C-alpha atoms as a PDB file:
ATOM      1  CA  UNK A   1       0.034   0.014   0.022  1.00  0.00           C
ATOM      2  CA  UNK A   2       2.918   2.476   0.683  1.00  0.00           C
ATOM      3  CA  UNK A   3       3.874   2.216  -3.039  1.00  0.00           C
ATOM      4  CA  UNK A   4       0.365   3.218  -4.108  1.00  0.00           C
ATOM      5  CA  UNK A   5       0.358   6.062  -1.452  1.00  0.00           C
ATOM      6  CA  UNK A   6       3.583   7.523  -2.631  1.00  0.00           C
ATOM      7  CA  UNK A   7       2.405   7.799  -6.387  1.00  0.00           C
ATOM      8  CA  UNK A   8      -1.148   8.872  -5.330  1.00  0.00           C
ATOM      9  CA  UNK A   9       0.153  11.881  -3.309  1.00  0.00           C
ATOM     10  CA  UNK A  10       1.189  13.416  -6.752  1.00  0.00           C
ATOM     11  CA  UNK A  11      -1.756  11.999  -8.699  1.00  0.00           C
ATOM     12  CA  UNK A  12      -3.886  15.042  -8.097  1.00  0.00           C
ATOM     13  CA  UNK A  13      -1.979  17.006 -10.452  1.00  0.00           C
ATOM     14  CA  UNK A  14      -2.289  14.712 -13.091  1.00  0.00           C
ATOM     15  CA  UNK A  15      -6.152  14.261 -12.549  1.00  0.00           C
ATOM     16  CA  UNK A  16      -6.476  18.176 -12.724  1.00  0.00           C
ATOM     17  CA  UNK A  17      -5.350  18.112 -16.254  1.00  0.00           C
ATOM     18  CA  UNK A  18      -5.491  14.718 -17.840  1.00  0.00           C
ATOM     19  CA  UNK A  19      -5.257  16.226 -21.305  1.00  0.00           C
ATOM     20  CA  UNK A  20      -2.158  17.995 -20.956  1.00  0.00           C
ATOM     21  CA  UNK A  21      -0.524  15.247 -18.967  1.00  0.00           C
ATOM     22  CA  UNK A  22      -1.613  12.678 -21.585  1.00  0.00           C
ATOM     23  CA  UNK A  23      -0.388  14.602 -24.498  1.00  0.00           C
ATOM     24  CA  UNK A  24       2.991  14.968 -22.819  1.00  0.00           C
ATOM     25  CA  UNK A  25       3.254  11.390 -22.070  1.00  0.00           C
ATOM     26  CA  UNK A  26       2.273  10.116 -25.606  1.00  0.00           C
ATOM     27  CA  UNK A  27       4.227  12.714 -27.386  1.00  0.00           C
ATOM     28  CA  UNK A  28       7.382  11.868 -25.416  1.00  0.00           C
ATOM     29  CA  UNK A  29       6.751   8.074 -25.782  1.00  0.00           C
ATOM     30  CA  UNK A  30       6.548   8.526 -29.599  1.00  0.00           C
ATOM     31  CA  UNK A  31       9.724  10.748 -29.621  1.00  0.00           C
ATOM     32  CA  UNK A  32      11.801   8.502 -27.326  1.00  0.00           C
ATOM     33  CA  UNK A  33      10.554   5.358 -28.948  1.00  0.00           C
ATOM     34  CA  UNK A  34       9.373   6.110 -32.378  1.00  0.00           C
ATOM     35  CA  UNK A  35       8.353   2.519 -33.189  1.00  0.00           C
ATOM     36  CA  UNK A  36       5.623   2.870 -30.500  1.00  0.00           C
ATOM     37  CA  UNK A  37       3.627   5.433 -32.688  1.00  0.00           C
ATOM     38  CA  UNK A  38       3.060   2.481 -35.111  1.00  0.00           C
ATOM     39  CA  UNK A  39       0.999   0.839 -32.308  1.00  0.00           C
ATOM     40  CA  UNK A  40      -1.592   3.631 -32.485  1.00  0.00           C
ATOM     41  CA  UNK A  41      -3.046   3.505 -36.256  1.00  0.00           C
ATOM     42  CA  UNK A  42      -4.829   6.799 -35.952  1.00  0.00           C
ATOM     43  CA  UNK A  43      -1.418   8.478 -35.184  1.00  0.00           C
ATOM     44  CA  UNK A  44       0.825   6.977 -37.742  1.00  0.00           C
ATOM     45  CA  UNK A  45       0.466   9.709 -40.086  1.00  0.00           C
ATOM     46  CA  UNK A  46       1.288  12.525 -37.618  1.00  0.00           C
ATOM     47  CA  UNK A  47       4.837  13.922 -38.072  1.00  0.00           C
ATOM     48  CA  UNK A  48       6.979  14.079 -34.924  1.00  0.00           C
ATOM     49  CA  UNK A  49       6.953  17.879 -34.908  1.00  0.00           C
ATOM     50  CA  UNK A  50       3.110  17.877 -34.989  1.00  0.00           C
ATOM     51  CA  UNK A  51       2.502  15.476 -32.055  1.00  0.00           C
ATOM     52  CA  UNK A  52       2.700  18.070 -29.323  1.00  0.00           C
ATOM     53  CA  UNK A  53      -0.395  19.876 -28.954  1.00  0.00           C
ATOM     54  CA  UNK A  54      -2.434  17.393 -31.200  1.00  0.00           C
ATOM     55  CA  UNK A  55      -5.846  17.244 -29.525  1.00  0.00           C
ATOM     56  CA  UNK A  56      -6.239  13.501 -30.609  1.00  0.00           C
ATOM     57  CA  UNK A  57      -2.960  12.394 -28.981  1.00  0.00           C
ATOM     58  CA  UNK A  58      -3.819  14.418 -25.883  1.00  0.00           C
ATOM     59  CA  UNK A  59      -7.308  12.690 -25.687  1.00  0.00           C
ATOM     60  CA  UNK A  60      -5.770   9.330 -26.055  1.00  0.00           C
ATOM     61  CA  UNK A  61      -3.205   9.981 -23.500  1.00  0.00           C
ATOM     62  CA  UNK A  62      -5.978  11.251 -21.057  1.00  0.00           C
ATOM     63  CA  UNK A  63      -7.703   8.019 -21.583  1.00  0.00           C
ATOM     64  CA  UNK A  64      -4.458   6.004 -20.654  1.00  0.00           C
ATOM     65  CA  UNK A  65      -3.940   8.139 -17.597  1.00  0.00           C
ATOM     66  CA  UNK A  66      -7.595   7.772 -16.402  1.00  0.00           C
ATOM     67  CA  UNK A  67      -7.225   4.123 -16.533  1.00  0.00           C
ATOM     68  CA  UNK A  68      -3.809   4.154 -14.741  1.00  0.00           C
ATOM     69  CA  UNK A  69      -5.516   6.245 -11.996  1.00  0.00           C
ATOM     70  CA  UNK A  70      -8.259   3.610 -11.755  1.00  0.00           C
ATOM     71  CA  UNK A  71      -5.483   0.974 -11.184  1.00  0.00           C
ATOM     72  CA  UNK A  72      -3.697   3.081  -8.700  1.00  0.00           C
ATOM     73  CA  UNK A  73      -6.620   3.814  -6.615  1.00  0.00           C
ATOM     74  CA  UNK A  74      -7.582   0.114  -6.685  1.00  0.00           C
ATOM     75  CA  UNK A  75      -4.249  -0.481  -4.903  1.00  0.00           C
ATOM     76  CA  UNK A  76      -3.681  -3.906  -6.048  1.00  0.00           C
ATOM     77  CA  UNK A  77      -7.340  -5.129  -6.187  1.00  0.00           C
ATOM     78  CA  UNK A  78      -7.434  -4.309  -9.872  1.00  0.00           C
ATOM     79  CA  UNK A  79      -8.534  -7.657 -11.635  1.00  0.00           C
ATOM     80  CA  UNK A  80     -11.907  -6.240 -12.527  1.00  0.00           C
ATOM     81  CA  UNK A  81     -10.321  -3.048 -14.221  1.00  0.00           C
ATOM     82  CA  UNK A  82      -7.343  -4.930 -15.700  1.00  0.00           C
ATOM     83  CA  UNK A  83      -8.894  -8.044 -17.261  1.00  0.00           C
ATOM     84  CA  UNK A  84     -10.966  -6.104 -19.985  1.00  0.00           C
ATOM     85  CA  UNK A  85      -8.168  -3.897 -20.691  1.00  0.00           C
ATOM     86  CA  UNK A  86      -5.644  -6.460 -21.137  1.00  0.00           C
ATOM     87  CA  UNK A  87      -8.036  -8.640 -23.341  1.00  0.00           C
ATOM     88  CA  UNK A  88      -8.426  -5.680 -25.708  1.00  0.00           C
ATOM     89  CA  UNK A  89      -4.830  -4.932 -25.574  1.00  0.00           C
ATOM     90  CA  UNK A  90      -4.063  -8.610 -26.650  1.00  0.00           C
ATOM     91  CA  UNK A  91      -6.751  -9.258 -29.055  1.00  0.00           C
ATOM     92  CA  UNK A  92      -7.473  -5.941 -30.680  1.00  0.00           C
ATOM     93  CA  UNK A  93      -4.378  -3.580 -30.340  1.00  0.00           C
ATOM     94  CA  UNK A  94      -1.689  -6.462 -30.132  1.00  0.00           C
ATOM     95  CA  UNK A  95       0.426  -4.411 -27.673  1.00  0.00           C
ATOM     96  CA  UNK A  96       3.451  -6.172 -26.449  1.00  0.00           C
ATOM     97  CA  UNK A  97       4.227  -6.299 -22.634  1.00  0.00           C
ATOM     98  CA  UNK A  98       7.529  -4.597 -23.105  1.00  0.00           C
ATOM     99  CA  UNK A  99       5.634  -1.372 -24.196  1.00  0.00           C
ATOM    100  CA  UNK A 100       4.175  -1.104 -20.741  1.00  0.00           C
ATOM    101  CA  UNK A 101       7.582  -0.754 -19.470  1.00  0.00           C
ATOM    102  CA  UNK A 102       8.360   2.082 -21.989  1.00  0.00           C
ATOM    103  CA  UNK A 103       5.318   4.019 -21.182  1.00  0.00           C
ATOM    104  CA  UNK A 104       5.938   3.589 -17.291  1.00  0.00           C
ATOM    105  CA  UNK A 105       9.267   5.213 -17.752  1.00  0.00           C
ATOM    106  CA  UNK A 106       7.794   8.150 -19.529  1.00  0.00           C
ATOM    107  CA  UNK A 107       5.078   8.583 -17.105  1.00  0.00           C
ATOM    108  CA  UNK A 108       7.584   8.580 -14.267  1.00  0.00           C
ATOM    109  CA  UNK A 109       9.685  11.341 -16.043  1.00  0.00           C
ATOM    110  CA  UNK A 110       6.652  13.446 -16.812  1.00  0.00           C
ATOM    111  CA  UNK A 111       5.500  13.142 -13.240  1.00  0.00           C
ATOM    112  CA  UNK A 112       8.827  13.951 -11.765  1.00  0.00           C
ATOM    113  CA  UNK A 113       9.153  16.998 -14.045  1.00  0.00           C
ATOM    114  CA  UNK A 114       5.467  18.385 -13.681  1.00  0.00           C
ATOM    115  CA  UNK A 115       4.286  17.013 -10.445  1.00  0.00           C
ATOM    116  CA  UNK A 116       7.025  16.407  -8.059  1.00  0.00           C
ATOM    117  CA  UNK A 117       7.094  12.722  -7.906  1.00  0.00           C
ATOM    118  CA  UNK A 118      10.369  11.966  -6.235  1.00  0.00           C
ATOM    119  CA  UNK A 119      12.869   9.047  -6.743  1.00  0.00           C
ATOM    120  CA  UNK A 120      10.970   7.075  -4.256  1.00  0.00           C
ATOM    121  CA  UNK A 121       7.596   7.616  -5.900  1.00  0.00           C
ATOM    122  CA  UNK A 122       9.205   6.833  -9.317  1.00  0.00           C
ATOM    123  CA  UNK A 123      10.485   3.602  -7.916  1.00  0.00           C
ATOM    124  CA  UNK A 124       7.023   2.906  -6.327  1.00  0.00           C
ATOM    125  CA  UNK A 125       5.510   3.560  -9.934  1.00  0.00           C
ATOM    126  CA  UNK A 126       7.961   1.195 -11.513  1.00  0.00           C
ATOM    127  CA  UNK A 127       6.967  -1.479  -8.883  1.00  0.00           C
ATOM    128  CA  UNK A 128       3.300  -0.991  -9.166  1.00  0.00           C
ATOM    129  CA  UNK A 129       3.435  -0.975 -13.002  1.00  0.00           C
ATOM    130  CA  UNK A 130       5.575  -4.197 -12.884  1.00  0.00           C
ATOM    131  CA  UNK A 131       2.934  -6.001 -10.995  1.00  0.00           C
ATOM    132  CA  UNK A 132       0.264  -4.764 -13.224  1.00  0.00           C
ATOM    133  CA  UNK A 133       2.330  -5.744 -16.370  1.00  0.00           C
ATOM    134  CA  UNK A 134       2.749  -9.248 -14.811  1.00  0.00           C
ATOM    135  CA  UNK A 135      -1.080  -9.413 -14.442  1.00  0.00           C
ATOM    136  CA  UNK A 136      -1.549  -8.308 -18.053  1.00  0.00           C
ATOM    137  CA  UNK A 137       0.919 -10.926 -19.025  1.00  0.00           C
ATOM    138  CA  UNK A 138      -1.139 -13.589 -17.238  1.00  0.00           C
ATOM    139  CA  UNK A 139      -4.296 -12.695 -19.252  1.00  0.00           C
ATOM    140  CA  UNK A 140      -2.172 -12.579 -22.347  1.00  0.00           C
ATOM    141  CA  UNK A 141      -1.045 -16.146 -21.646  1.00  0.00           C
ATOM    142  CA  UNK A 142      -4.781 -17.262 -20.992  1.00  0.00           C
ATOM    143  CA  UNK A 143      -5.661 -15.718 -24.383  1.00  0.00           C
ATOM    144  CA  UNK A 144      -2.734 -17.197 -26.217  1.00  0.00           C
ATOM    145  CA  UNK A 145      -1.129 -13.868 -26.988  1.00  0.00           C
ATOM    146  CA  UNK A 146       2.611 -13.937 -26.794  1.00  0.00           C
ATOM    147  CA  UNK A 147       2.993 -10.150 -26.178  1.00  0.00           C
END
């Protein structure tokens, strides 16, 4: 529970402006890991220089962060939230598990810069997301997806 509390103490700033945070997270993810942009078909044609400030990118980033917020607030009791998400990420979106690690690092950086998430909070986020990713992997295995 302590890990969740460390991250949640800074989460209010994310909730206050999901679109700005979400746009920053996805823009940075696509710039630092350009291959990840290909995983989002509606963003494939957007030039790197046009990502920042793109309303669709920000809106999707907001969706990602809202779901993360739900997972954080569940404090480990997230099966009902995670199972449907993992299922669509396996069957529809075909998102490999390694990509969750990439976005975790970007979220940690953005929260450190914008929201004051300190080193302990960043480590806590990594631990939480490691557990979440393991649970996603279990669902992937059940579904026969080798993400």
